[in-house]
Each structure stands twice: as C-alpha cells, then as structure tokens.
Amino acid sequence: MTNLQITLPDALAREAASAGLLAPPMLERILREQLRKERIDKMKAARAALAAEPLAPMTPDEISAEISAYRTAQRHALGS
C-alpha cells in the first residue's frame, strides 16, 4: 500500500470529508473510475485516428511475416 498526503483548501477538505469522499475506499473508487474513463477516452481517440486514416489491409504474406517475426522475438526473449 502507498500512503499519500494531499493539500486541499480547508473548505473543500471539510465538504469532501463530510460527504465521505476522503475515506480510503471512496478515494480508491474515485481514482479507479477516473482511470477507467481516461483509458476509454484514449481508446476512442485511437479509434477516431484509425477511422480518419485507416490502415491498408495486410496480404496473407505480410500476416505470415508478422507472425514469424513475433515468434522469433518470443524465442529470443526466452533465450532459446
């Protein structure tokens, strides 16, 4: 576990505390939800970029070459 110390304006800290937002389970939920939203936003941006400039379809030979390159890299990573 990591401990964090944050600095907030007094009024905001009081309001957040009275709403239960500063309790560790609530902070964890808030952070996880925000991270999930950011991942979704990044995925949407990537999809939009691909839609704007779609990749050319790969030929069967190109697919085979990619598979072979991946397998070779995996063998080297495993030291075989």
N, C-alpha and C. Protein backbone atom coordinates (compact mmCIF):
# COMPACT_ATOMS: atom_id res chain seq x y z
N MET A 1 0.83 -1.18 0.00
CA MET A 1 0.00 0.00 0.00
C MET A 1 0.88 1.24 0.00
N THR A 2 0.42 2.25 -0.67
CA THR A 2 1.09 3.54 -0.71
C THR A 2 0.27 4.55 0.07
N ASN A 3 0.92 5.32 0.89
CA ASN A 3 0.26 6.40 1.61
C ASN A 3 0.48 7.70 0.86
N LEU A 4 -0.58 8.49 0.75
CA LEU A 4 -0.50 9.78 0.08
C LEU A 4 -0.88 10.89 1.04
N GLN A 5 -0.25 12.03 0.85
CA GLN A 5 -0.64 13.21 1.59
C GLN A 5 -0.99 14.26 0.56
N ILE A 6 -2.19 14.82 0.68
CA ILE A 6 -2.62 15.84 -0.28
C ILE A 6 -2.94 17.13 0.46
N THR A 7 -2.82 18.21 -0.25
CA THR A 7 -3.14 19.52 0.30
C THR A 7 -4.36 20.05 -0.44
N LEU A 8 -5.39 20.37 0.34
CA LEU A 8 -6.64 20.90 -0.23
C LEU A 8 -7.01 22.18 0.50
N PRO A 9 -7.75 23.03 -0.18
CA PRO A 9 -8.29 24.18 0.54
C PRO A 9 -9.17 23.68 1.69
N ASP A 10 -9.17 24.40 2.82
CA ASP A 10 -9.90 23.95 4.00
C ASP A 10 -11.37 23.68 3.71
N ALA A 11 -12.02 24.58 3.02
CA ALA A 11 -13.45 24.42 2.75
C ALA A 11 -13.72 23.17 1.92
N LEU A 12 -12.89 22.94 0.93
CA LEU A 12 -13.06 21.75 0.10
C LEU A 12 -12.81 20.49 0.91
N ALA A 13 -11.79 20.49 1.74
CA ALA A 13 -11.49 19.32 2.58
C ALA A 13 -12.64 19.02 3.53
N ARG A 14 -13.22 20.06 4.15
CA ARG A 14 -14.34 19.84 5.06
C ARG A 14 -15.55 19.27 4.31
N GLU A 15 -15.85 19.85 3.16
CA GLU A 15 -17.00 19.39 2.38
C GLU A 15 -16.79 17.96 1.89
N ALA A 16 -15.60 17.66 1.39
CA ALA A 16 -15.30 16.30 0.91
C ALA A 16 -15.36 15.30 2.05
N ALA A 17 -14.82 15.68 3.20
CA ALA A 17 -14.83 14.79 4.36
C ALA A 17 -16.26 14.54 4.83
N SER A 18 -17.08 15.59 4.87
CA SER A 18 -18.46 15.40 5.34
C SER A 18 -19.27 14.57 4.35
N ALA A 19 -18.88 14.58 3.10
CA ALA A 19 -19.56 13.75 2.09
C ALA A 19 -18.99 12.34 2.04
N GLY A 20 -17.96 12.06 2.83
CA GLY A 20 -17.36 10.73 2.84
C GLY A 20 -16.40 10.47 1.71
N LEU A 21 -16.03 11.50 0.99
CA LEU A 21 -15.17 11.33 -0.19
C LEU A 21 -13.71 11.11 0.15
N LEU A 22 -13.31 11.40 1.38
CA LEU A 22 -11.89 11.23 1.74
C LEU A 22 -11.61 9.89 2.40
N ALA A 23 -12.61 9.06 2.56
CA ALA A 23 -12.40 7.72 3.11
C ALA A 23 -11.63 6.89 2.08
N PRO A 24 -10.66 6.10 2.51
CA PRO A 24 -9.85 5.33 1.57
C PRO A 24 -10.66 4.52 0.54
N PRO A 25 -11.72 3.81 0.93
CA PRO A 25 -12.47 3.07 -0.10
C PRO A 25 -13.09 3.99 -1.15
N MET A 26 -13.56 5.15 -0.71
CA MET A 26 -14.17 6.08 -1.66
C MET A 26 -13.12 6.69 -2.58
N LEU A 27 -11.97 7.08 -2.02
CA LEU A 27 -10.89 7.60 -2.85
C LEU A 27 -10.44 6.57 -3.88
N GLU A 28 -10.34 5.31 -3.45
CA GLU A 28 -9.96 4.26 -4.39
C GLU A 28 -10.97 4.15 -5.51
N ARG A 29 -12.26 4.18 -5.17
CA ARG A 29 -13.31 4.07 -6.18
C ARG A 29 -13.25 5.25 -7.15
N ILE A 30 -13.07 6.45 -6.61
CA ILE A 30 -13.00 7.64 -7.46
C ILE A 30 -11.80 7.56 -8.41
N LEU A 31 -10.65 7.16 -7.89
CA LEU A 31 -9.45 7.06 -8.73
C LEU A 31 -9.59 5.99 -9.79
N ARG A 32 -10.12 4.83 -9.42
CA ARG A 32 -10.30 3.75 -10.40
C ARG A 32 -11.27 4.18 -11.51
N GLU A 33 -12.35 4.85 -11.14
CA GLU A 33 -13.32 5.32 -12.13
C GLU A 33 -12.69 6.34 -13.07
N GLN A 34 -11.91 7.26 -12.53
CA GLN A 34 -11.26 8.26 -13.38
C GLN A 34 -10.26 7.61 -14.33
N LEU A 35 -9.49 6.65 -13.83
CA LEU A 35 -8.53 5.94 -14.69
C LEU A 35 -9.26 5.18 -15.79
N ARG A 36 -10.40 4.57 -15.45
CA ARG A 36 -11.19 3.85 -16.46
C ARG A 36 -11.67 4.82 -17.53
N LYS A 37 -12.17 5.98 -17.11
CA LYS A 37 -12.64 6.98 -18.08
C LYS A 37 -11.50 7.44 -18.98
N GLU A 38 -10.33 7.64 -18.41
CA GLU A 38 -9.19 8.08 -19.23
C GLU A 38 -8.77 7.02 -20.23
N ARG A 39 -8.80 5.73 -19.82
CA ARG A 39 -8.48 4.66 -20.77
C ARG A 39 -9.49 4.62 -21.90
N ILE A 40 -10.76 4.80 -21.58
CA ILE A 40 -11.81 4.81 -22.60
C ILE A 40 -11.61 5.99 -23.55
N ASP A 41 -11.30 7.16 -23.00
CA ASP A 41 -11.06 8.34 -23.85
C ASP A 41 -9.89 8.11 -24.79
N LYS A 42 -8.81 7.50 -24.30
CA LYS A 42 -7.65 7.21 -25.15
C LYS A 42 -8.02 6.22 -26.25
N MET A 43 -8.82 5.20 -25.90
CA MET A 43 -9.25 4.23 -26.89
C MET A 43 -10.12 4.90 -27.96
N LYS A 44 -11.03 5.78 -27.54
CA LYS A 44 -11.86 6.49 -28.50
C LYS A 44 -11.03 7.35 -29.43
N ALA A 45 -10.01 8.01 -28.88
CA ALA A 45 -9.13 8.84 -29.71
C ALA A 45 -8.37 7.99 -30.72
N ALA A 46 -7.90 6.83 -30.27
CA ALA A 46 -7.18 5.93 -31.18
C ALA A 46 -8.11 5.43 -32.28
N ARG A 47 -9.34 5.08 -31.91
CA ARG A 47 -10.31 4.62 -32.92
C ARG A 47 -10.61 5.72 -33.93
N ALA A 48 -10.75 6.96 -33.44
CA ALA A 48 -11.03 8.08 -34.34
C ALA A 48 -9.85 8.31 -35.29
N ALA A 49 -8.63 8.20 -34.77
CA ALA A 49 -7.45 8.38 -35.61
C ALA A 49 -7.38 7.29 -36.68
N LEU A 50 -7.69 6.06 -36.29
CA LEU A 50 -7.68 4.97 -37.27
C LEU A 50 -8.79 5.15 -38.30
N ALA A 51 -9.93 5.63 -37.86
CA ALA A 51 -11.04 5.85 -38.80
C ALA A 51 -10.69 6.96 -39.79
N ALA A 52 -9.96 7.97 -39.34
CA ALA A 52 -9.58 9.08 -40.21
C ALA A 52 -8.53 8.65 -41.23
N GLU A 53 -7.63 7.76 -40.81
CA GLU A 53 -6.59 7.27 -41.71
C GLU A 53 -6.48 5.76 -41.54
N PRO A 54 -7.39 5.02 -42.15
CA PRO A 54 -7.37 3.56 -41.96
C PRO A 54 -6.09 2.93 -42.51
N LEU A 55 -5.70 1.87 -41.85
CA LEU A 55 -4.53 1.13 -42.30
C LEU A 55 -4.89 0.31 -43.54
N ALA A 56 -3.93 0.16 -44.41
CA ALA A 56 -4.16 -0.67 -45.59
C ALA A 56 -4.25 -2.13 -45.15
N PRO A 57 -5.14 -2.91 -45.79
CA PRO A 57 -5.24 -4.32 -45.41
C PRO A 57 -3.91 -5.03 -45.68
N MET A 58 -3.62 -5.99 -44.82
CA MET A 58 -2.38 -6.77 -44.99
C MET A 58 -2.65 -7.97 -45.90
N THR A 59 -1.64 -8.32 -46.67
CA THR A 59 -1.73 -9.51 -47.51
C THR A 59 -1.45 -10.73 -46.64
N PRO A 60 -1.85 -11.92 -47.09
CA PRO A 60 -1.52 -13.12 -46.33
C PRO A 60 -0.02 -13.27 -46.09
N ASP A 61 0.81 -12.90 -47.06
CA ASP A 61 2.27 -12.99 -46.88
C ASP A 61 2.75 -12.03 -45.79
N GLU A 62 2.17 -10.83 -45.73
CA GLU A 62 2.55 -9.87 -44.70
C GLU A 62 2.13 -10.38 -43.31
N ILE A 63 0.96 -10.99 -43.24
CA ILE A 63 0.49 -11.55 -41.97
C ILE A 63 1.42 -12.67 -41.52
N SER A 64 1.80 -13.54 -42.43
CA SER A 64 2.71 -14.64 -42.09
C SER A 64 4.06 -14.10 -41.63
N ALA A 65 4.54 -13.05 -42.29
CA ALA A 65 5.83 -12.46 -41.90
C ALA A 65 5.74 -11.86 -40.50
N GLU A 66 4.64 -11.23 -40.18
CA GLU A 66 4.45 -10.65 -38.84
C GLU A 66 4.41 -11.75 -37.79
N ILE A 67 3.71 -12.84 -38.08
CA ILE A 67 3.63 -13.96 -37.14
C ILE A 67 5.01 -14.56 -36.93
N SER A 68 5.74 -14.74 -37.99
CA SER A 68 7.10 -15.30 -37.88
C SER A 68 8.01 -14.38 -37.07
N ALA A 69 7.93 -13.09 -37.32
CA ALA A 69 8.75 -12.14 -36.58
C ALA A 69 8.40 -12.17 -35.10
N TYR A 70 7.12 -12.24 -34.78
CA TYR A 70 6.69 -12.30 -33.37
C TYR A 70 7.22 -13.57 -32.71
N ARG A 71 7.08 -14.70 -33.38
CA ARG A 71 7.56 -15.96 -32.81
C ARG A 71 9.06 -15.93 -32.60
N THR A 72 9.80 -15.37 -33.55
CA THR A 72 11.26 -15.25 -33.41
C THR A 72 11.61 -14.38 -32.21
N ALA A 73 10.91 -13.27 -32.07
CA ALA A 73 11.17 -12.37 -30.93
C ALA A 73 10.86 -13.08 -29.61
N GLN A 74 9.80 -13.88 -29.57
CA GLN A 74 9.46 -14.60 -28.35
C GLN A 74 10.51 -15.64 -28.01
N ARG A 75 11.02 -16.34 -29.03
CA ARG A 75 12.07 -17.34 -28.79
C ARG A 75 13.32 -16.66 -28.25
N HIS A 76 13.69 -15.52 -28.81
CA HIS A 76 14.88 -14.80 -28.34
C HIS A 76 14.67 -14.29 -26.92
N ALA A 77 13.47 -13.85 -26.61
CA ALA A 77 13.18 -13.35 -25.26
C ALA A 77 13.28 -14.47 -24.23
N LEU A 78 12.93 -15.69 -24.65
CA LEU A 78 13.00 -16.83 -23.75
C LEU A 78 14.38 -17.47 -23.74
N GLY A 79 15.27 -16.99 -24.59
CA GLY A 79 16.64 -17.49 -24.62
C GLY A 79 16.81 -18.79 -25.36
N SER A 80 15.85 -19.16 -26.22
CA SER A 80 16.03 -20.42 -26.97
C SER A 80 16.46 -20.15 -28.37
